[in-house]
Each structure stands twice: as structure tokens, then as C-alpha cells.
Protein backbone atom coordinates (compact mmCIF):
# COMPACT_ATOMS: atom_id res chain seq x y z
CA UNK A 1 0.01 -0.01 0.01
CA UNK A 2 2.85 2.41 0.82
CA UNK A 3 4.57 1.66 -2.48
CA UNK A 4 1.30 2.34 -4.31
CA UNK A 5 0.77 5.64 -2.45
CA UNK A 6 4.26 6.89 -3.36
CA UNK A 7 3.90 5.71 -6.98
CA UNK A 8 0.61 7.56 -7.25
CA UNK A 9 2.17 10.76 -5.88
CA UNK A 10 4.78 10.44 -8.65
CA UNK A 11 1.98 10.07 -11.26
CA UNK A 12 3.17 6.62 -12.31
CA UNK A 13 -0.33 5.08 -12.67
CA UNK A 14 0.16 2.23 -10.18
CA UNK A 15 -2.06 -0.86 -10.15
CA UNK A 16 -2.02 -3.12 -7.10
CA UNK A 17 -2.46 -6.80 -7.90
CA UNK A 18 -3.13 -9.05 -4.92
CA UNK A 19 -4.75 -12.32 -3.99
CA UNK A 20 -5.99 -10.35 -0.99
CA UNK A 21 -4.91 -7.02 0.51
CA UNK A 22 -3.51 -6.93 4.02
CA UNK A 23 -1.28 -9.93 4.47
CA UNK A 24 0.06 -10.62 7.99
CA UNK A 25 -0.68 -7.05 9.11
CA UNK A 26 -4.43 -7.62 8.72
CA UNK A 27 -4.14 -10.65 10.95
CA UNK A 28 -2.56 -8.64 13.79
CA UNK A 29 -5.06 -7.79 16.54
CA UNK A 30 -3.34 -4.72 18.00
CA UNK A 31 -0.33 -2.73 16.76
CA UNK A 32 1.43 -0.60 19.37
CA UNK A 33 4.72 0.26 17.68
CA UNK A 34 3.62 2.16 14.56
CA UNK A 35 5.00 5.76 14.97
CA UNK A 36 2.36 8.36 15.69
CA UNK A 37 -0.38 5.87 16.50
CA UNK A 38 -0.70 4.66 20.10
CA UNK A 39 -2.75 1.62 19.20
CA UNK A 40 -4.56 0.37 16.10
CA UNK A 41 -5.81 -2.97 14.81
CA UNK A 42 -4.06 -4.43 11.76
CA UNK A 43 -7.32 -4.49 9.81
CA UNK A 44 -7.94 -0.76 10.55
CA UNK A 45 -4.40 0.22 9.55
CA UNK A 46 -4.66 -1.65 6.23
CA UNK A 47 -8.12 -0.24 5.58
CA UNK A 48 -6.85 3.30 6.17
CA UNK A 49 -3.87 2.72 3.84
CA UNK A 50 -6.16 1.26 1.19
CA UNK A 51 -8.51 4.25 1.35
CA UNK A 52 -5.56 6.66 1.15
CA UNK A 53 -4.19 4.84 -1.93
CA UNK A 54 -7.58 4.82 -3.64
CA UNK A 55 -8.05 8.54 -2.92
CA UNK A 56 -4.91 9.11 -4.96
CA UNK A 57 -6.26 7.17 -7.89
CA UNK A 58 -4.59 3.81 -7.21
CA UNK A 59 -6.40 0.92 -8.85
CA UNK A 60 -6.55 -2.10 -6.55
CA UNK A 61 -7.40 -5.46 -8.06
CA UNK A 62 -7.94 -8.26 -5.51
CA UNK A 63 -8.30 -11.98 -6.21
CA UNK A 64 -5.40 -11.66 -8.63
CA UNK A 65 -3.00 -14.43 -7.68
CA UNK A 66 0.15 -13.77 -9.74
CA UNK A 67 1.71 -16.83 -11.31
CA UNK A 68 4.48 -15.32 -13.45
CA UNK A 69 6.39 -12.16 -14.42
CA UNK A 70 8.27 -11.95 -17.71
CA UNK A 71 10.44 -9.24 -19.19
CA UNK A 72 9.51 -8.74 -22.84
CA UNK A 73 10.89 -6.70 -25.73
CA UNK A 74 11.32 -3.02 -24.97
CA UNK A 75 11.89 -3.82 -21.31
CA UNK A 76 8.14 -4.11 -20.69
CA UNK A 77 6.99 -6.56 -18.00
CA UNK A 78 4.19 -9.06 -18.58
CA UNK A 79 2.46 -9.96 -15.30
CA UNK A 80 0.07 -12.95 -15.45
CA UNK A 81 -2.62 -13.86 -12.96
CA UNK A 82 -4.04 -17.31 -12.20
CA UNK A 83 -7.41 -16.26 -13.59
CA UNK A 84 -5.89 -15.59 -17.01
CA UNK A 85 -5.59 -11.82 -16.67
CA UNK A 86 -2.42 -10.24 -18.07
CA UNK A 87 -0.99 -6.83 -17.19
CA UNK A 88 1.89 -4.87 -18.71
CA UNK A 89 4.08 -2.32 -16.97
CA UNK A 90 7.38 -0.47 -17.22
CA UNK A 91 8.33 -1.55 -13.74
CA UNK A 92 7.29 -4.01 -11.04
CA UNK A 93 7.46 -3.72 -7.25
CA UNK A 94 7.12 -7.08 -5.49
CA UNK A 95 5.69 -6.71 -1.99
CA UNK A 96 4.00 -10.07 -1.64
CA UNK A 97 5.10 -10.69 1.95
CA UNK A 98 5.10 -14.05 3.68
CA UNK A 99 2.70 -16.90 4.45
CA UNK A 100 2.60 -19.00 7.62
CA UNK A 101 4.98 -21.96 7.88
CA UNK A 102 3.10 -25.25 8.27
CA UNK A 103 3.68 -27.95 10.84
CA UNK A 104 5.63 -30.97 9.78
CA UNK A 105 3.38 -33.26 11.76
CA UNK A 106 0.92 -36.03 10.99
CA UNK A 107 -2.60 -34.66 10.59
CA UNK A 108 -1.53 -31.11 9.73
CA UNK A 109 -3.27 -31.03 6.37
CA UNK A 110 -6.18 -33.21 7.47
CA UNK A 111 -7.25 -30.74 10.19
CA UNK A 112 -6.40 -27.49 8.41
CA UNK A 113 -9.44 -25.22 9.07
CA UNK A 114 -10.93 -28.01 11.18
CA UNK A 115 -9.53 -26.80 14.46
CA UNK A 116 -6.02 -26.14 13.14
CA UNK A 117 -5.51 -22.50 12.23
CA UNK A 118 -2.86 -19.84 11.65
CA UNK A 119 -4.89 -16.73 12.53
CA UNK A 120 -5.74 -16.06 16.18
CA UNK A 121 -7.44 -12.72 15.51
CA UNK A 122 -9.72 -14.42 12.97
CA UNK A 123 -10.53 -17.63 14.85
CA UNK A 124 -9.98 -17.07 18.60
CA UNK A 125 -13.72 -16.47 19.32
CA UNK A 126 -14.51 -19.92 17.86
CA UNK A 127 -12.65 -21.54 20.76
CA UNK A 128 -14.55 -19.95 23.63
CA UNK A 129 -14.38 -22.20 26.70
CA UNK A 130 -12.11 -24.72 24.98
CA UNK A 131 -8.59 -25.96 25.67
CA UNK A 132 -6.13 -25.13 22.87
CA UNK A 133 -2.47 -25.40 21.90
CA UNK A 134 -0.32 -22.59 20.49
CA UNK A 135 2.76 -23.94 18.67
CA UNK A 136 5.60 -21.45 18.85
CA UNK A 137 7.14 -19.51 21.73
CA UNK A 138 8.26 -16.39 19.91
CA UNK A 139 6.43 -13.04 19.74
CA UNK A 140 3.91 -14.38 17.21
CA UNK A 141 3.05 -17.26 19.56
CA UNK A 142 2.71 -14.92 22.54
CA UNK A 143 0.51 -12.51 20.56
CA UNK A 144 -1.76 -15.38 19.48
CA UNK A 145 -2.00 -16.52 23.10
CA UNK A 146 -2.93 -12.99 24.22
CA UNK A 147 -5.69 -12.99 21.58
CA UNK A 148 -6.95 -16.27 23.04
CA UNK A 149 -6.91 -15.26 26.72
CA UNK A 150 -10.44 -13.87 26.78
CA UNK A 151 -11.89 -16.84 24.98
CA UNK A 152 -10.06 -20.13 25.68
CA UNK A 153 -10.30 -22.09 28.91
CA UNK A 154 -6.70 -23.36 28.95
CA UNK A 155 -3.80 -22.60 26.61
CA UNK A 156 -0.63 -24.66 26.19
CA UNK A 157 2.32 -23.03 24.45
CA UNK A 158 4.61 -25.61 22.88
CA UNK A 159 8.13 -24.37 22.01
CA UNK A 160 10.57 -26.54 19.99
CA UNK A 161 13.69 -25.14 21.70
CA UNK A 162 14.45 -24.72 25.38
CA UNK A 163 13.99 -20.94 25.22
CA UNK A 164 10.78 -18.91 24.84
CA UNK A 165 11.94 -15.95 22.74
CA UNK A 166 8.80 -13.81 23.02
CA UNK A 167 8.98 -10.42 24.79
CA UNK A 168 9.31 -10.59 28.57
CA UNK A 169 6.43 -8.15 29.02
CA UNK A 170 4.09 -10.44 27.07
CA UNK A 171 5.24 -13.50 29.03
CA UNK A 172 4.55 -11.73 32.32
CA UNK A 173 1.02 -10.97 31.13
CA UNK A 174 0.45 -14.59 30.10
CA UNK A 175 1.84 -16.00 33.34
CA UNK A 176 -0.40 -13.71 35.44
CA UNK A 177 -3.49 -14.86 33.56
CA UNK A 178 -3.36 -18.32 35.20
CA UNK A 179 -4.59 -19.85 31.95
CA UNK A 180 -1.29 -20.55 30.21
CA UNK A 181 1.13 -23.46 30.54
CA UNK A 182 4.56 -23.14 28.91
CA UNK A 183 6.10 -26.39 27.56
CA UNK A 184 9.64 -26.18 26.19
CA UNK A 185 11.58 -28.70 24.08
CA UNK A 186 8.35 -29.90 22.53
CA UNK A 187 8.23 -31.38 19.03
CA UNK A 188 4.69 -31.83 17.71
CA UNK A 189 4.30 -35.33 16.28
CA UNK A 190 0.63 -35.50 15.43
CA UNK A 191 -2.62 -33.57 15.42
CA UNK A 192 -5.48 -36.05 15.77
CA UNK A 193 -9.24 -36.19 16.14
CA UNK A 194 -12.39 -37.29 14.30
CA UNK A 195 -13.93 -34.59 12.11
CA UNK A 196 -12.20 -31.86 14.10
CA UNK A 197 -9.09 -31.54 16.25
CA UNK A 198 -9.29 -33.65 19.36
CA UNK A 199 -5.73 -33.54 20.61
CA UNK A 200 -1.99 -33.15 20.03
CA UNK A 201 0.82 -35.61 20.54
CA UNK A 202 4.25 -34.19 21.20
CA UNK A 203 7.74 -35.45 22.11
CA UNK A 204 9.95 -34.03 24.80
CA UNK A 205 13.20 -33.46 22.93
CA UNK A 206 15.28 -33.85 26.10
CA UNK A 207 14.16 -37.25 27.42
CA UNK A 208 12.36 -38.36 24.19
CA UNK A 209 9.17 -39.13 26.15
CA UNK A 210 5.85 -38.72 24.31
CA UNK A 211 2.83 -36.88 25.69
CA UNK A 212 -0.77 -36.21 24.67
CA UNK A 213 -2.80 -33.05 25.22
CA UNK A 214 -6.58 -33.20 24.81
CA UNK A 215 -7.38 -29.96 23.05
CA UNK A 216 -9.91 -28.72 20.49
CA UNK A 217 -7.79 -26.16 18.77
CA UNK A 218 -4.24 -25.75 17.44
CA UNK A 219 -2.82 -22.32 16.53
CA UNK A 220 0.38 -22.61 14.51
CA UNK A 221 2.87 -19.74 14.98
CA UNK A 222 6.22 -21.13 13.86
CA UNK A 223 7.34 -18.46 11.45
CA UNK A 224 6.64 -17.85 7.81
CA UNK A 225 7.98 -18.31 4.28
CA UNK A 226 8.27 -15.70 1.58
CA UNK A 227 5.70 -15.69 -1.24
CA UNK A 228 8.18 -16.08 -4.08
CA UNK A 229 6.88 -19.02 -6.15
CA UNK A 230 6.00 -16.78 -9.09
CA UNK A 231 9.49 -15.21 -9.32
CA UNK A 232 11.86 -17.80 -7.83
CA UNK A 233 13.23 -18.56 -11.32
CA UNK A 234 13.39 -14.90 -12.39
CA UNK A 235 15.15 -12.95 -9.63
CA UNK A 236 18.03 -13.94 -7.36
CA UNK A 237 16.91 -15.63 -4.14
CA UNK A 238 18.84 -15.46 -0.89
CA UNK A 239 17.90 -17.57 2.16
CA UNK A 240 14.43 -18.22 0.79
CA UNK A 241 13.66 -14.58 0.04
CA UNK A 242 14.26 -12.07 -2.77
CA UNK A 243 17.77 -10.60 -2.64
CA UNK A 244 17.79 -6.81 -2.76
CA UNK A 245 20.35 -4.07 -2.33
CA UNK A 246 19.95 -0.92 -0.25
CA UNK A 247 17.87 0.64 -3.07
CA UNK A 248 15.38 -2.25 -3.09
CA UNK A 249 16.72 -3.34 -6.48
CA UNK A 250 16.58 -7.03 -7.41
CA UNK A 251 18.86 -8.91 -9.79
CA UNK A 252 16.53 -7.96 -12.68
CA UNK A 253 16.63 -4.35 -13.81
CA UNK A 254 13.20 -2.76 -13.42
CA UNK A 255 12.01 -5.18 -10.73
CA UNK A 256 12.11 -3.93 -7.16
CA UNK A 257 11.08 -5.67 -3.92
CA UNK A 258 10.09 -4.44 -0.47
CA UNK A 259 9.02 -5.77 2.89
CA UNK A 260 8.94 -9.31 4.22
CA UNK A 261 9.36 -10.93 0.81
CA UNK A 262 12.97 -9.65 0.74
CA UNK A 263 16.09 -10.85 2.54
CA UNK A 264 15.92 -7.91 4.92
CA UNK A 265 16.85 -9.15 8.43
CA UNK A 266 13.99 -7.32 10.20
CA UNK A 267 10.27 -7.98 9.72
CA UNK A 268 8.32 -5.03 11.05
CA UNK A 269 5.39 -3.13 9.60
CA UNK A 270 7.15 0.23 9.80
CA UNK A 271 10.21 -1.22 8.03
CA UNK A 272 8.02 -2.72 5.29
CA UNK A 273 6.34 0.65 4.82
CA UNK A 274 9.72 2.39 4.58
CA UNK A 275 10.95 -0.09 2.02
CA UNK A 276 7.74 0.29 0.04
CA UNK A 277 8.28 4.05 -0.15
CA UNK A 278 11.92 3.58 -1.12
CA UNK A 279 11.09 1.03 -3.83
CA UNK A 280 8.54 3.41 -5.33
CA UNK A 281 11.00 6.31 -5.40
CA UNK A 282 13.72 4.17 -7.03
CA UNK A 283 11.19 2.78 -9.51
CA UNK A 284 10.24 6.33 -10.42
CA UNK A 285 13.91 7.13 -11.15
CA UNK A 286 14.12 4.00 -13.30
CA UNK A 287 10.99 4.89 -15.28
CA UNK A 288 12.15 8.49 -15.83
CA UNK A 289 15.49 7.25 -17.13
CA UNK A 290 13.71 4.73 -19.34
CA UNK A 291 11.50 7.51 -20.77
CA UNK A 292 14.51 9.77 -21.37
CA UNK A 293 16.25 7.05 -23.41
CA UNK A 294 13.38 6.68 -25.86
């Protein structure tokens, strides 16, 4: 959205193509570290950005899952969507973000959306009065658990390593709730049940003992992977993400990338916004140079 806003201000006729607008930000219940805003929901922040972009004339096309980008004659890019739509542009900014990493456990696919979920803000109310598991002891896992506090009866946090890396302030809040049990060195082996989740089996990685938790929900928060399938054979990839330089340039001239889809070491909304603005400004320089050389 930020890239689109800056492109529009430069009169570069931007079109946003997205399967859905919002990404991981829209799935964040409360944001407290966006400068100038004390507190805002992810959905509200995205909605405000979208309205701002549209007010500047940005055309936003959702349900456009991009499957390929090709550089054609005259350095024009051909962008193809899964529904058969094709778009042409002088430049492309890739800001496709990340998607949740899935569990490598038996039953993961079987119970997807049948008690196993990746979005606490979306699904927490569905587990009112129920016992649930949160897989992942980082900030994402802690945030999901905080979302669940006012709904779930009991929450187990399973962490693969021996260290819970989420913020200490969040952990204090969770401990004081009396609802949360922290289980370290836990490797999830299986999600089981009938039509819906009925429990989780995990292994203690220290003594190799196996345990079962009777729960009705599993919230997976074990990181994410960059959405790069449509360009992994086009631009240079580094550590599973698009390699960029300090100007957001990729290995292909005219293609820029910003935010969590890049190999930037920090994944924060404010950083993604900054990179979106930078990518738009550099893309504008590229287009102006391209027009001058005609």
C-alpha cells in the first residue's frame, strides 16, 4: 500500500495486484509500535492505507494471484494472474510478503481449518471455553495466546527449543493470567481427532518421552515463508527470500522488492512501509530514465 501511495504521488499510474490485501498485518489484533499511533488494529491500519491509496487514484485489483512475471521486448513486464488476466508495466514492485509456515506433523493437512488454524485474531472467538495449543514460543506465539486469553479455557504453548523468545512483558502478562502453561523442548508429532481436532501428541526433545494433550484447537505460529513461487526462477533468491540491495533493487533491472518478501533481516510493519516508499521512489527514477532514453 505504501509503495502504491508513493507511486501515485509520482503520477506513475500504479495498479495493485493481490490475492488479498492486508497480508500478515491484517491478521494482527493490535499494533502498538507504529509511529504516531498509540494503538490500532491491523485491519484498521490496512483499511486506512487502502482508502488513502484509492483517494490518490490507485487501482486495486484483488483476487489476482500472480503466477508469473516476464520481461519482454522493450523492457516491458508481462504480469500474469491465475485467472488468465495479463498486465503490462514499465516496472514491477514485488511486496507479496510471507505466508505461515506449516507444521511438519501427521494430521496437519487433514485438520487444516478443522480446528487447526494460523490466525488467532480471525478464529480465537470460535474456541470460547475450549482448551487449545499454540505452537511457537516467539512473539507471534505470545501474541496469538494474548488474543486467546479472553476466549479459551486453557492454553498450552509448545516451544521446539528450550527458550521462549517472546517479549518478557508479554510473558509476564500470560503467566499472570493463570490460563497458560509453557512447555519447552516440545516437538509436535501428530494432530489427531475425528472430524475436528481432538488432541495433540508431542515429544519431549530432552528425554524423548511422548505426551498427549486433549485440546480442540491448534494455533500454529512457527514463522513464515516468503511468497516467491511466481518469481523464484526470475530474480536472485537469498535464504528463501528475494535478494535486494539498499535501493530495493533485485537482480533484474526494473524489478524492485520491499518488505517481508525480501532478505531484509527485520520484519516489522514500519520497516516494510519504509521499504515500500523507497522502492517506489527508485522505480520512479528507473521509469524516468527509461522515458529519457526513448
